[in-house]
Every structure is written in C-alpha cells, then in structure tokens.
Amino acid sequence: MKMSNIFANMCTYKGLLPQGAVTSPYITNILLKNFDEEMYDYCINRNINYTRYSDDIILSCDRKTPLKEAKYFIIDKVKGYHFLEINSRKSFKIYGKDTSKIVTGLLVNNDNVRVTRKYKRFLRAQIFNEIKVNKKSPSLEIYGKLAFIKHVDFNTFIQMTKYIKKLGIKDKFKVSFLEE
C-alpha cells in the first residue's frame, strides 16, 4: 500500500476530512500553500496584511479601497481551487478602525482580544445546568472551554472562576484548575 494512501486513511473518516481533527490545520496548510503565496504576493504589493487561520482569511489595511478591490481577486482565485468555496454568510465584511470584529470566534477590538458575550453566557448556562442542576462533575468540554478562555481572555476566566465560587461548586473542579 502506498504511503499516501495510509496517510489518507488515517486522516479521513468515510472519505471526508473530519472537522476539528488534529490533522486538519496541517492538511489545510498543505492544500493552501500555493493559494497563500498568491494572496501574499497580491497583498504585499498593496500594503494589505494577509492572515489565514484554517479556512478564515483576514485582510487588514489602513484604507478600505484596497480591501474592496481584494474581494474580486479572492473570488477569482477561489475559482481555481475546486475544494474551496466562499461562505456568503461570513464573507467580505469591511470594518472601520475602531469597530469590534469577530475573527475566528473571538471579539477583536484594536489590540484587545476576548471571547464573545454569547460564548460566556452559553458556558455559564452549561456550568450551571451540568454541575449545579444535574449534580455532575465538570465535563471535559467545560474544562476545555475554561482552559481556552484562560489562554485568550484571562479577565473573563477570573469572572468565570468567581461565578463558579458563587455557585458553591468550586469543590467539584480539580484542585489547581481554578487557581489564578
């Protein structure tokens, strides 16, 4: 059996790439290497910063005109990559300098990055229902979300820790996890 077939079988499920698999970012980077190079060349000549995380593309610039023009370049480039498609719900939003933006699920405003209010509310409800109401131990999902928040938005992590203490369920968590 060819090595490429072995890797393909290891990285797919029923012939598809599973969303969220640990291999997904690596595969995406391999597949989009040429696309990234073309985007970089286009953007560098127009003073546009090009960033891609997985399948999310972020272009930033001091002026709106180059960003508006880049839209047509991207649409044209995507046509040459048959495995890419543009998500019309998320596409081509242009924000002003001081406008909050949602980038890969995080709220970004100037140099400040934090989780969204919706994310916090959902996690608080999940903690309340799972631990306080259903009397279960915190799930790995809750630990993962809290660890993520601790990493990207420490102030919100402190708020969540206070919320957990207020509910009287701190003892349900592993001893050192909630320590600041």
C-alpha atoms as a PDB file:
ATOM      1  CA  MET A   1       0.000   0.000   0.000  1.00  0.00           C
ATOM      2  CA  LYS A   2       1.316   3.468  -0.887  1.00  0.00           C
ATOM      3  CA  MET A   3       2.319   5.769   1.962  1.00  0.00           C
ATOM      4  CA  SER A   4      -0.073   8.457   0.634  1.00  0.00           C
ATOM      5  CA  ASN A   5      -2.997   6.004   0.937  1.00  0.00           C
ATOM      6  CA  ILE A   6      -2.022   5.157   4.508  1.00  0.00           C
ATOM      7  CA  PHE A   7      -1.995   8.832   5.470  1.00  0.00           C
ATOM      8  CA  ALA A   8      -5.255   9.472   3.618  1.00  0.00           C
ATOM      9  CA  ASN A   9      -6.926   6.614   5.522  1.00  0.00           C
ATOM     10  CA  MET A  10      -5.539   7.882   8.837  1.00  0.00           C
ATOM     11  CA  CYS A  11      -6.770  11.439   8.267  1.00  0.00           C
ATOM     12  CA  THR A  12     -10.256  10.826   6.871  1.00  0.00           C
ATOM     13  CA  TYR A  13     -13.494   9.310   8.067  1.00  0.00           C
ATOM     14  CA  LYS A  14     -15.817   7.844   5.441  1.00  0.00           C
ATOM     15  CA  GLY A  15     -13.763   9.588   2.776  1.00  0.00           C
ATOM     16  CA  LEU A  16     -14.088  13.046   4.337  1.00  0.00           C
ATOM     17  CA  LEU A  17     -11.862  15.227   6.479  1.00  0.00           C
ATOM     18  CA  PRO A  18     -13.491  15.442   9.913  1.00  0.00           C
ATOM     19  CA  GLN A  19     -13.945  18.963  11.216  1.00  0.00           C
ATOM     20  CA  GLY A  20     -11.827  19.675  14.276  1.00  0.00           C
ATOM     21  CA  ALA A  21      -9.397  16.791  13.820  1.00  0.00           C
ATOM     22  CA  VAL A  22      -5.835  17.477  14.974  1.00  0.00           C
ATOM     23  CA  THR A  23      -4.636  16.849  11.423  1.00  0.00           C
ATOM     24  CA  SER A  24      -6.980  19.416   9.839  1.00  0.00           C
ATOM     25  CA  PRO A  25      -4.770  22.524  10.227  1.00  0.00           C
ATOM     26  CA  TYR A  26      -1.765  20.706   8.764  1.00  0.00           C
ATOM     27  CA  ILE A  27      -3.733  19.387   5.805  1.00  0.00           C
ATOM     28  CA  THR A  28      -5.270  22.820   5.210  1.00  0.00           C
ATOM     29  CA  ASN A  29      -1.823  24.424   5.218  1.00  0.00           C
ATOM     30  CA  ILE A  30      -0.554  21.895   2.672  1.00  0.00           C
ATOM     31  CA  LEU A  31      -3.570  22.348   0.418  1.00  0.00           C
ATOM     32  CA  LEU A  32      -3.487  26.137   0.584  1.00  0.00           C
ATOM     33  CA  LYS A  33       0.276  26.655   0.221  1.00  0.00           C
ATOM     34  CA  ASN A  34       0.013  27.997  -3.349  1.00  0.00           C
ATOM     35  CA  PHE A  35      -3.125  29.982  -2.517  1.00  0.00           C
ATOM     36  CA  ASP A  36      -1.313  31.611   0.431  1.00  0.00           C
ATOM     37  CA  GLU A  37       1.646  32.512  -1.776  1.00  0.00           C
ATOM     38  CA  GLU A  38      -0.638  34.110  -4.382  1.00  0.00           C
ATOM     39  CA  MET A  39      -2.562  36.005  -1.706  1.00  0.00           C
ATOM     40  CA  TYR A  40       0.630  37.149  -0.035  1.00  0.00           C
ATOM     41  CA  ASP A  41       2.075  38.433  -3.328  1.00  0.00           C
ATOM     42  CA  TYR A  42      -1.163  40.283  -4.103  1.00  0.00           C
ATOM     43  CA  CYS A  43      -1.442  41.800  -0.634  1.00  0.00           C
ATOM     44  CA  ILE A  44       2.189  42.780  -0.067  1.00  0.00           C
ATOM     45  CA  ASN A  45       2.101  44.975  -3.177  1.00  0.00           C
ATOM     46  CA  ARG A  46      -0.955  46.821  -1.845  1.00  0.00           C
ATOM     47  CA  ASN A  47       0.078  47.262   1.808  1.00  0.00           C
ATOM     48  CA  ILE A  48      -2.541  44.757   2.944  1.00  0.00           C
ATOM     49  CA  ASN A  49      -1.804  42.368   5.792  1.00  0.00           C
ATOM     50  CA  TYR A  50      -2.883  38.811   4.902  1.00  0.00           C
ATOM     51  CA  THR A  51      -3.672  36.322   7.645  1.00  0.00           C
ATOM     52  CA  ARG A  52      -5.269  32.914   7.343  1.00  0.00           C
ATOM     53  CA  TYR A  53      -6.262  30.627  10.179  1.00  0.00           C
ATOM     54  CA  SER A  54      -7.597  27.349   8.825  1.00  0.00           C
ATOM     55  CA  ASP A  55     -10.274  28.492   6.360  1.00  0.00           C
ATOM     56  CA  ASP A  56     -10.732  32.002   7.747  1.00  0.00           C
ATOM     57  CA  ILE A  57      -8.991  34.754   5.807  1.00  0.00           C
ATOM     58  CA  ILE A  58      -8.404  38.145   7.358  1.00  0.00           C
ATOM     59  CA  LEU A  59      -7.148  41.108   5.372  1.00  0.00           C
ATOM     60  CA  SER A  60      -6.265  44.312   7.178  1.00  0.00           C
ATOM     61  CA  CYS A  61      -5.251  47.660   5.786  1.00  0.00           C
ATOM     62  CA  ASP A  62      -5.346  51.349   6.698  1.00  0.00           C
ATOM     63  CA  ARG A  63      -7.635  52.074   3.750  1.00  0.00           C
ATOM     64  CA  LYS A  64     -10.902  50.493   2.626  1.00  0.00           C
ATOM     65  CA  THR A  65     -10.394  50.744  -1.164  1.00  0.00           C
ATOM     66  CA  PRO A  66      -7.663  48.062  -1.411  1.00  0.00           C
ATOM     67  CA  LEU A  67      -9.819  45.746   0.702  1.00  0.00           C
ATOM     68  CA  LYS A  68     -12.819  46.237  -1.572  1.00  0.00           C
ATOM     69  CA  GLU A  69     -10.645  45.523  -4.612  1.00  0.00           C
ATOM     70  CA  ALA A  70      -9.176  42.419  -2.929  1.00  0.00           C
ATOM     71  CA  LYS A  71     -12.666  40.901  -2.815  1.00  0.00           C
ATOM     72  CA  TYR A  72     -12.653  40.401  -6.585  1.00  0.00           C
ATOM     73  CA  PHE A  73      -9.135  38.993  -6.554  1.00  0.00           C
ATOM     74  CA  ILE A  74     -10.149  36.441  -3.903  1.00  0.00           C
ATOM     75  CA  ILE A  75     -13.316  35.436  -5.779  1.00  0.00           C
ATOM     76  CA  ASP A  76     -11.247  34.855  -8.907  1.00  0.00           C
ATOM     77  CA  LYS A  77      -8.526  32.893  -7.053  1.00  0.00           C
ATOM     78  CA  VAL A  78     -11.014  30.630  -5.259  1.00  0.00           C
ATOM     79  CA  LYS A  79     -12.405  29.510  -8.633  1.00  0.00           C
ATOM     80  CA  GLY A  80      -9.034  27.889  -9.361  1.00  0.00           C
ATOM     81  CA  TYR A  81      -9.183  25.774  -6.196  1.00  0.00           C
ATOM     82  CA  HIS A  82     -12.049  23.319  -6.643  1.00  0.00           C
ATOM     83  CA  PHE A  83     -12.056  22.320  -2.972  1.00  0.00           C
ATOM     84  CA  LEU A  84     -12.660  25.920  -1.816  1.00  0.00           C
ATOM     85  CA  GLU A  85     -15.915  27.809  -1.646  1.00  0.00           C
ATOM     86  CA  ILE A  86     -16.814  31.169  -0.219  1.00  0.00           C
ATOM     87  CA  ASN A  87     -19.241  31.241   2.697  1.00  0.00           C
ATOM     88  CA  SER A  88     -21.604  34.071   1.773  1.00  0.00           C
ATOM     89  CA  ARG A  89     -22.766  34.484   5.391  1.00  0.00           C
ATOM     90  CA  LYS A  90     -19.271  35.348   6.605  1.00  0.00           C
ATOM     91  CA  SER A  91     -17.718  36.905   3.552  1.00  0.00           C
ATOM     92  CA  PHE A  92     -16.211  40.256   2.821  1.00  0.00           C
ATOM     93  CA  LYS A  93     -17.087  42.292   5.840  1.00  0.00           C
ATOM     94  CA  ILE A  94     -15.181  45.548   5.997  1.00  0.00           C
ATOM     95  CA  TYR A  95     -14.865  47.221   9.374  1.00  0.00           C
ATOM     96  CA  GLY A  96     -13.596  50.598  10.438  1.00  0.00           C
ATOM     97  CA  LYS A  97     -10.508  51.034  12.580  1.00  0.00           C
ATOM     98  CA  ASP A  98     -12.283  51.252  15.933  1.00  0.00           C
ATOM     99  CA  THR A  99     -15.024  48.734  15.159  1.00  0.00           C
ATOM    100  CA  SER A 100     -15.196  45.443  17.042  1.00  0.00           C
ATOM    101  CA  LYS A 101     -14.735  42.429  14.806  1.00  0.00           C
ATOM    102  CA  ILE A 102     -15.388  38.706  15.269  1.00  0.00           C
ATOM    103  CA  VAL A 103     -12.360  36.819  13.948  1.00  0.00           C
ATOM    104  CA  THR A 104     -12.293  33.009  14.277  1.00  0.00           C
ATOM    105  CA  GLY A 105     -14.915  33.283  17.020  1.00  0.00           C
ATOM    106  CA  LEU A 106     -13.058  35.881  19.086  1.00  0.00           C
ATOM    107  CA  LEU A 107     -14.017  39.505  19.583  1.00  0.00           C
ATOM    108  CA  VAL A 108     -11.179  41.749  18.394  1.00  0.00           C
ATOM    109  CA  ASN A 109     -11.115  45.486  19.007  1.00  0.00           C
ATOM    110  CA  ASN A 110      -7.798  47.225  18.334  1.00  0.00           C
ATOM    111  CA  ASP A 111      -5.284  45.301  20.484  1.00  0.00           C
ATOM    112  CA  ASN A 112      -7.897  43.700  22.744  1.00  0.00           C
ATOM    113  CA  VAL A 113      -8.960  40.066  22.168  1.00  0.00           C
ATOM    114  CA  ARG A 114     -11.691  38.361  24.176  1.00  0.00           C
ATOM    115  CA  VAL A 115     -14.452  35.795  23.924  1.00  0.00           C
ATOM    116  CA  THR A 116     -17.920  36.973  22.916  1.00  0.00           C
ATOM    117  CA  ARG A 117     -20.730  37.670  25.358  1.00  0.00           C
ATOM    118  CA  LYS A 118     -22.717  34.857  23.712  1.00  0.00           C
ATOM    119  CA  TYR A 119     -19.874  32.371  24.369  1.00  0.00           C
ATOM    120  CA  LYS A 120     -19.666  33.424  28.043  1.00  0.00           C
ATOM    121  CA  ARG A 121     -23.441  33.140  28.547  1.00  0.00           C
ATOM    122  CA  PHE A 122     -23.551  29.713  26.934  1.00  0.00           C
ATOM    123  CA  LEU A 123     -20.690  28.445  29.103  1.00  0.00           C
ATOM    124  CA  ARG A 124     -22.244  29.854  32.287  1.00  0.00           C
ATOM    125  CA  ALA A 125     -25.511  28.083  31.447  1.00  0.00           C
ATOM    126  CA  GLN A 126     -23.641  24.871  30.677  1.00  0.00           C
ATOM    127  CA  ILE A 127     -21.788  25.024  34.010  1.00  0.00           C
ATOM    128  CA  PHE A 128     -24.990  25.768  35.915  1.00  0.00           C
ATOM    129  CA  ASN A 129     -27.032  23.003  34.269  1.00  0.00           C
ATOM    130  CA  GLU A 130     -24.360  20.325  34.260  1.00  0.00           C
ATOM    131  CA  ILE A 131     -22.926  20.825  37.727  1.00  0.00           C
ATOM    132  CA  LYS A 132     -25.485  22.680  39.845  1.00  0.00           C
ATOM    133  CA  VAL A 133     -28.731  21.242  38.447  1.00  0.00           C
ATOM    134  CA  ASN A 134     -27.690  17.774  37.273  1.00  0.00           C
ATOM    135  CA  LYS A 135     -25.109  17.308  40.077  1.00  0.00           C
ATOM    136  CA  LYS A 136     -22.446  16.013  37.684  1.00  0.00           C
ATOM    137  CA  SER A 137     -18.719  16.616  37.703  1.00  0.00           C
ATOM    138  CA  PRO A 138     -17.449  19.149  35.170  1.00  0.00           C
ATOM    139  CA  SER A 139     -17.194  17.596  31.720  1.00  0.00           C
ATOM    140  CA  LEU A 140     -14.033  17.642  29.644  1.00  0.00           C
ATOM    141  CA  GLU A 141     -15.850  20.124  27.403  1.00  0.00           C
ATOM    142  CA  ILE A 142     -16.230  22.575  30.306  1.00  0.00           C
ATOM    143  CA  TYR A 143     -12.578  22.135  31.267  1.00  0.00           C
ATOM    144  CA  GLY A 144     -11.585  22.705  27.646  1.00  0.00           C
ATOM    145  CA  LYS A 145     -13.663  25.865  27.305  1.00  0.00           C
ATOM    146  CA  LEU A 146     -12.343  27.254  30.594  1.00  0.00           C
ATOM    147  CA  ALA A 147      -8.759  26.463  29.554  1.00  0.00           C
ATOM    148  CA  PHE A 148      -9.367  28.200  26.223  1.00  0.00           C
ATOM    149  CA  ILE A 149     -10.749  31.288  27.998  1.00  0.00           C
ATOM    150  CA  LYS A 150      -7.834  31.262  30.448  1.00  0.00           C
ATOM    151  CA  HIS A 151      -5.469  31.334  27.482  1.00  0.00           C
ATOM    152  CA  VAL A 152      -7.140  34.025  25.325  1.00  0.00           C
ATOM    153  CA  ASP A 153      -9.135  36.161  27.783  1.00  0.00           C
ATOM    154  CA  PHE A 154      -7.784  35.940  31.334  1.00  0.00           C
ATOM    155  CA  ASN A 155     -10.159  38.604  32.707  1.00  0.00           C
ATOM    156  CA  THR A 156     -13.148  36.514  31.634  1.00  0.00           C
ATOM    157  CA  PHE A 157     -11.505  33.440  33.188  1.00  0.00           C
ATOM    158  CA  ILE A 158     -11.371  35.318  36.514  1.00  0.00           C
ATOM    159  CA  GLN A 159     -15.064  36.241  36.101  1.00  0.00           C
ATOM    160  CA  MET A 160     -15.923  32.577  35.429  1.00  0.00           C
ATOM    161  CA  THR A 161     -13.921  31.483  38.480  1.00  0.00           C
ATOM    162  CA  LYS A 162     -15.871  33.963  40.642  1.00  0.00           C
ATOM    163  CA  TYR A 163     -19.137  32.675  39.155  1.00  0.00           C
ATOM    164  CA  ILE A 164     -18.186  29.072  39.992  1.00  0.00           C
ATOM    165  CA  LYS A 165     -17.249  30.076  43.565  1.00  0.00           C
ATOM    166  CA  LYS A 166     -20.536  31.995  43.929  1.00  0.00           C
ATOM    167  CA  LEU A 167     -22.482  28.895  42.864  1.00  0.00           C
ATOM    168  CA  GLY A 168     -20.670  26.931  45.569  1.00  0.00           C
ATOM    169  CA  ILE A 169     -19.363  24.295  43.158  1.00  0.00           C
ATOM    170  CA  LYS A 170     -15.627  25.075  43.262  1.00  0.00           C
ATOM    171  CA  ASP A 171     -15.027  21.758  45.076  1.00  0.00           C
ATOM    172  CA  LYS A 172     -16.325  19.892  42.001  1.00  0.00           C
ATOM    173  CA  PHE A 173     -13.318  21.057  39.971  1.00  0.00           C
ATOM    174  CA  LYS A 174      -9.826  19.624  40.088  1.00  0.00           C
ATOM    175  CA  VAL A 175      -7.960  21.387  42.865  1.00  0.00           C
ATOM    176  CA  SER A 176      -5.488  23.513  40.927  1.00  0.00           C
ATOM    177  CA  PHE A 177      -7.530  24.186  37.798  1.00  0.00           C
ATOM    178  CA  LEU A 178      -9.360  27.286  39.003  1.00  0.00           C
ATOM    179  CA  GLU A 179      -6.355  28.861  40.736  1.00  0.00           C
ATOM    180  CA  GLU A 180      -5.258  32.130  39.196  1.00  0.00           C
END
